[in-house]
Amino acid sequence: MAASNPTEKTSYRDVKADILGRITEGTWGPGVLLPGEVELAETFGVARATVNRAMRELSEEGFIDRRRKAGTRVRQSPIRAARFEIPIVRAEIEATGAAYRYGLLERETLRAPDWIRARLGLLKGAKVLHLMCLHSAGGAPYQLEDRWINLAALPEAERADFSDSGPNEWLVAAVPYSEVEISFLATAAEGAVAAYLGMREGEPVFTVERTTWWEGQAITHVRLSFSRGHRMTTRY
């Protein structure tokens, strides 16, 4: 492997592309032990953190297997995994050509209920911000957003103005995430969900629950309920 030109700035994407190229071309075949991060950092002329990020993404994408004390090896066969981005609902709606509209329905700062404390791993008495928002497409309900934000992790959320723009966009811009859990559910439309989405009580509704963490600390939990006919597609 040739060292990088020290006069050029090498990004983690460059490191990732180089390593991936050697894997796909067979230079580093299945089961091969890769050089350590320190050695790779010296070879590429970058910080070890740059190599670490490249290796982490290759591991997440299923090309390499990283094991503490055992090193990093090329997988015998790459894992194919469906990947889901956290979308900006406004952009999602506008991409269809429909006019986007947002409405803040409820906002409350309170002590976390027991169920959200358990979900986010919060201490007793922890404060959370609860928001209920409706996103519409072309004048018709599209998504009901029922969101909880951990104010211990993100105190600035309490001062944020969500009257004109939703927490979805604000969170994506304000805070990174290191771990995400997503669940897809088939539920029955009841109460506020049925009313805001214009559905019949008990009608099936496509629902997504998503929780995000940053370095072990929970940031937010959201339940997204979609209007009838919603479709989610991914490719891998």
Protein backbone atom coordinates (compact mmCIF):
# COMPACT_ATOMS: atom_id res chain seq x y z
CA MET A 1 0.00 0.00 0.00
CA ALA A 2 1.42 3.35 -1.01
CA ALA A 3 1.52 6.15 1.52
CA SER A 4 -0.64 9.21 0.89
CA ASN A 5 0.85 12.41 -0.47
CA PRO A 6 1.49 14.41 2.73
CA THR A 7 0.64 17.66 0.91
CA GLU A 8 -2.92 16.44 0.28
CA LYS A 9 -5.52 16.09 2.98
CA THR A 10 -6.74 12.51 3.21
CA SER A 11 -10.27 12.05 4.51
CA TYR A 12 -11.76 8.98 6.16
CA ARG A 13 -13.66 8.41 2.89
CA ASP A 14 -10.35 8.14 1.03
CA VAL A 15 -9.06 5.63 3.58
CA LYS A 16 -12.31 3.67 3.43
CA ALA A 17 -12.28 3.60 -0.39
CA ASP A 18 -8.66 2.39 -0.47
CA ILE A 19 -9.29 -0.41 2.02
CA LEU A 20 -12.54 -1.43 0.33
CA GLY A 21 -10.79 -1.47 -3.05
CA ARG A 22 -8.15 -3.88 -1.74
CA ILE A 23 -10.87 -6.12 -0.32
CA THR A 24 -13.02 -6.20 -3.46
CA GLU A 25 -10.00 -6.64 -5.74
CA GLY A 26 -8.78 -9.58 -3.67
CA THR A 27 -5.55 -8.01 -2.39
CA TRP A 28 -6.93 -8.67 1.07
CA GLY A 29 -8.98 -11.82 0.65
CA PRO A 30 -11.55 -13.43 2.98
CA GLY A 31 -10.12 -14.13 6.43
CA VAL A 32 -7.03 -11.95 5.97
CA LEU A 33 -5.88 -10.07 9.07
CA LEU A 34 -5.67 -6.37 8.28
CA PRO A 35 -2.93 -4.07 9.60
CA GLY A 36 -3.72 -2.34 12.88
CA GLU A 37 -5.13 1.18 13.08
CA VAL A 38 -1.78 2.67 14.15
CA GLU A 39 0.00 1.11 11.18
CA LEU A 40 -2.72 2.19 8.75
CA ALA A 41 -2.69 5.72 10.16
CA GLU A 42 1.06 5.95 9.54
CA THR A 43 0.66 4.52 6.03
CA PHE A 44 -2.05 6.99 5.04
CA GLY A 45 -0.51 9.89 6.94
CA VAL A 46 -3.70 10.53 8.91
CA ALA A 47 -4.85 10.51 12.52
CA ARG A 48 -5.82 7.20 14.05
CA ALA A 49 -9.37 8.55 14.53
CA THR A 50 -9.66 8.92 10.75
CA VAL A 51 -8.76 5.27 10.24
CA ASN A 52 -11.09 4.26 13.07
CA ARG A 53 -14.07 5.93 11.39
CA ALA A 54 -13.29 4.29 8.04
CA MET A 55 -12.97 0.88 9.69
CA ARG A 56 -16.14 1.38 11.71
CA GLU A 57 -18.17 2.08 8.57
CA LEU A 58 -16.67 -0.91 6.76
CA SER A 59 -17.60 -3.05 9.76
CA GLU A 60 -21.15 -1.68 9.83
CA GLU A 61 -21.48 -2.39 6.11
CA GLY A 62 -20.42 -5.99 6.65
CA PHE A 63 -17.03 -6.08 4.88
CA ILE A 64 -14.77 -6.59 7.89
CA ASP A 65 -15.04 -8.20 11.31
CA ARG A 66 -13.50 -6.22 14.18
CA ARG A 67 -12.76 -8.04 17.42
CA ARG A 68 -11.13 -6.62 20.51
CA LYS A 69 -7.63 -8.11 21.02
CA ALA A 70 -8.11 -10.36 17.97
CA GLY A 71 -7.71 -7.65 15.34
CA THR A 72 -9.67 -6.97 12.16
CA ARG A 73 -10.23 -9.53 9.44
CA VAL A 74 -11.95 -9.49 6.07
CA ARG A 75 -15.27 -11.33 6.38
CA GLN A 76 -15.58 -14.67 4.65
CA SER A 77 -18.68 -13.29 2.91
CA PRO A 78 -19.93 -9.70 3.20
CA ILE A 79 -23.13 -9.16 5.16
CA ARG A 80 -25.88 -7.55 3.13
CA ALA A 81 -27.94 -5.23 5.30
CA ALA A 82 -30.80 -2.85 4.65
CA ARG A 83 -29.88 0.62 5.90
CA PHE A 84 -32.35 3.33 6.88
CA GLU A 85 -31.50 7.00 6.98
CA ILE A 86 -33.28 9.38 9.34
CA PRO A 87 -35.28 11.35 6.77
CA ILE A 88 -36.30 14.99 6.86
CA VAL A 89 -40.07 14.68 6.53
CA ARG A 90 -40.37 18.07 4.79
CA ALA A 91 -37.88 16.99 2.10
CA GLU A 92 -39.62 13.62 1.83
CA ILE A 93 -42.95 15.30 1.11
CA GLU A 94 -41.57 17.98 -1.21
CA ALA A 95 -39.75 15.30 -3.23
CA THR A 96 -43.17 13.97 -4.25
CA GLY A 97 -44.14 17.39 -5.60
CA ALA A 98 -46.68 18.01 -2.83
CA ALA A 99 -46.85 21.18 -0.75
CA TYR A 100 -45.57 20.67 2.80
CA ARG A 101 -47.30 22.01 5.89
CA TYR A 102 -46.35 21.67 9.55
CA GLY A 103 -48.35 22.17 12.72
CA LEU A 104 -47.33 21.96 16.38
CA LEU A 105 -50.26 20.36 18.19
CA GLU A 106 -48.94 19.95 21.73
CA ARG A 107 -45.85 20.96 23.68
CA GLU A 108 -45.10 20.15 27.32
CA THR A 109 -42.06 19.94 29.59
CA LEU A 110 -42.61 17.37 32.32
CA ARG A 111 -41.06 14.72 34.49
CA ALA A 112 -40.59 11.61 32.39
CA PRO A 113 -43.39 9.03 32.73
CA ASP A 114 -42.23 5.61 33.89
CA TRP A 115 -42.47 4.03 30.45
CA ILE A 116 -40.28 6.66 28.77
CA ARG A 117 -37.80 6.56 31.68
CA ALA A 118 -37.47 2.83 31.10
CA ARG A 119 -37.18 3.26 27.34
CA LEU A 120 -34.48 5.93 27.54
CA GLY A 121 -32.75 4.73 30.70
CA LEU A 122 -33.46 7.95 32.59
CA LEU A 123 -33.18 8.60 36.31
CA LYS A 124 -36.29 9.13 38.40
CA GLY A 125 -37.40 12.75 38.18
CA ALA A 126 -35.67 13.34 34.82
CA LYS A 127 -37.25 16.06 32.68
CA VAL A 128 -38.34 15.51 29.09
CA LEU A 129 -39.87 17.63 26.37
CA HIS A 130 -42.97 16.09 24.80
CA LEU A 131 -44.06 17.30 21.36
CA MET A 132 -46.95 16.28 19.14
CA CYS A 133 -46.70 17.52 15.54
CA LEU A 134 -48.66 16.98 12.34
CA HIS A 135 -46.96 16.98 8.95
CA SER A 136 -49.23 17.37 5.91
CA ALA A 137 -48.75 16.80 2.19
CA GLY A 138 -50.89 18.74 -0.27
CA GLY A 139 -53.31 19.66 2.50
CA ALA A 140 -53.85 16.06 3.63
CA PRO A 141 -52.43 14.50 6.83
CA TYR A 142 -49.20 12.63 6.12
CA GLN A 143 -47.46 11.88 9.44
CA LEU A 144 -48.26 12.35 13.13
CA GLU A 145 -45.05 12.81 15.14
CA ASP A 146 -45.20 11.97 18.86
CA ARG A 147 -41.73 12.83 20.20
CA TRP A 148 -39.94 12.77 23.56
CA ILE A 149 -36.58 14.54 24.03
CA ASN A 150 -34.24 13.87 26.96
CA LEU A 151 -33.48 17.34 28.36
CA ALA A 152 -30.52 16.07 30.39
CA ALA A 153 -28.82 15.21 27.10
CA LEU A 154 -30.18 18.14 25.09
CA PRO A 155 -31.19 21.03 27.41
CA GLU A 156 -31.25 23.52 24.53
CA ALA A 157 -34.35 21.76 23.17
CA GLU A 158 -36.39 23.36 25.96
CA ARG A 159 -35.59 26.80 24.54
CA ALA A 160 -36.03 25.86 20.89
CA ASP A 161 -39.02 27.29 19.04
CA PHE A 162 -40.89 24.49 17.30
CA SER A 163 -43.90 26.57 16.33
CA ASP A 164 -42.88 27.00 12.68
CA SER A 165 -40.42 24.14 12.12
CA GLY A 166 -40.54 20.66 13.56
CA PRO A 167 -38.15 18.86 15.91
CA ASN A 168 -37.26 16.39 13.15
CA GLU A 169 -35.19 18.94 11.22
CA TRP A 170 -33.87 20.64 14.37
CA LEU A 171 -32.54 17.40 15.85
CA VAL A 172 -30.86 16.25 12.63
CA ALA A 173 -29.02 19.60 12.47
CA ALA A 174 -28.34 20.02 16.20
CA VAL A 175 -27.01 16.71 17.45
CA PRO A 176 -25.26 13.64 15.98
CA TYR A 177 -26.19 10.09 16.90
CA SER A 178 -24.06 7.00 17.38
CA GLU A 179 -26.79 4.39 17.74
CA VAL A 180 -30.32 4.06 16.41
CA GLU A 181 -33.04 1.50 17.09
CA ILE A 182 -35.99 1.36 14.67
CA SER A 183 -39.15 -0.71 15.00
CA PHE A 184 -41.92 -1.08 12.42
CA LEU A 185 -45.38 -1.85 13.72
CA ALA A 186 -48.86 -2.54 12.44
CA THR A 187 -51.15 -0.83 14.94
CA ALA A 188 -54.79 0.23 15.14
CA ALA A 189 -55.61 3.93 14.82
CA GLU A 190 -57.08 5.14 18.08
CA GLY A 191 -57.76 8.45 19.81
CA ALA A 192 -55.53 11.30 18.64
CA VAL A 193 -53.91 9.20 15.91
CA ALA A 194 -57.25 8.47 14.25
CA ALA A 195 -58.48 12.03 14.69
CA TYR A 196 -55.41 13.84 13.37
CA LEU A 197 -54.82 11.46 10.46
CA GLY A 198 -58.50 11.39 9.45
CA MET A 199 -58.80 7.63 9.92
CA ARG A 200 -61.48 5.41 11.40
CA GLU A 201 -61.05 4.11 14.96
CA GLY A 202 -59.38 0.70 14.73
CA GLU A 203 -58.19 1.21 11.14
CA PRO A 204 -54.69 -0.27 10.50
CA VAL A 205 -51.96 2.36 10.59
CA PHE A 206 -48.32 2.01 9.60
CA THR A 207 -46.20 3.05 12.59
CA VAL A 208 -42.47 3.57 13.11
CA GLU A 209 -40.79 3.88 16.51
CA ARG A 210 -37.25 5.24 16.59
CA THR A 211 -34.85 5.85 19.49
CA THR A 212 -31.46 7.52 19.11
CA TRP A 213 -28.44 7.64 21.41
CA TRP A 214 -25.18 9.58 21.41
CA GLU A 215 -22.28 7.72 23.03
CA GLY A 216 -24.57 5.77 25.34
CA GLN A 217 -26.87 8.63 26.34
CA ALA A 218 -30.43 8.58 25.02
CA ILE A 219 -31.38 11.64 22.96
CA THR A 220 -34.93 11.12 21.75
CA HIS A 221 -37.72 8.61 21.24
CA VAL A 222 -40.38 9.18 18.59
CA ARG A 223 -43.46 7.35 17.38
CA LEU A 224 -44.43 8.22 13.79
CA SER A 225 -47.90 7.28 12.57
CA PHE A 226 -48.57 7.55 8.83
CA SER A 227 -51.76 8.12 6.90
CA ARG A 228 -53.35 5.26 4.99
CA GLY A 229 -51.48 4.01 1.92
CA HIS A 230 -48.00 4.95 3.16
CA ARG A 231 -45.15 2.91 1.68
CA MET A 232 -41.54 2.65 2.91
CA THR A 233 -38.90 1.27 0.53
CA THR A 234 -35.22 0.51 1.08
CA ARG A 235 -32.53 -0.92 -1.19
CA TYR A 236 -29.33 -2.80 -0.30
